[in-house]
Amino acid sequence: MSIFHGMNTSASALTAQRLRMDIASSNIANANTTRATVNENGQWEPYRRKMVVFEPQEKSFQSFLQSAANRSSTPGQGVEVSAIVEDEEPFKQMYNPSHPDANEAGYVQLPNVDPLQEMVDIMSATRSYEANVTSINATKGMLMKALEIGK
């Protein structure tokens, strides 16, 4: 474990949370997109909500070697985005017979994006981002104090 381990762990979380905010922003931007992809029947489908899946970063070879030698366990290595998955909830239906994408009954399929849920996700990601910035600043402060000891 190096002296910058805490900073590296927080930096990985900053990167992951920023991607989470980008995906939520993309979901809000496409909340009314009725023609996003073409399905296997050649028909347009609305935009599907995307979500970020996090997982712990892989441990290094050194950590596996130390655990095999029954030395102390190593702390976590941070977090990474393992996948961006689509939400499989059904599309919303809205009656609007004048819409160009309306079916024969007059209903239009809209994306399965809930702007309120996306705003909650953005707020959660922002709070996590701020917590990791605070952690980096605390680590930086400790390192600066350690350097002052040596003067």
Foldseek 3Di string as FASTA:
>chain_A
DDLCQLVQQLVQLLVQLVVQLVLLVVLVVQQFAQFDDQDPVRDGGGDFRKGWDKDFDDDDPVQVVCVVVVHDHDDTRHMHTPDIDTDPDFFDWDAAQVDPQADPVRIGTTYPRDNVVSVVSNVVSVVSNVVSVVSNVVSVVVVVVVVVVVD
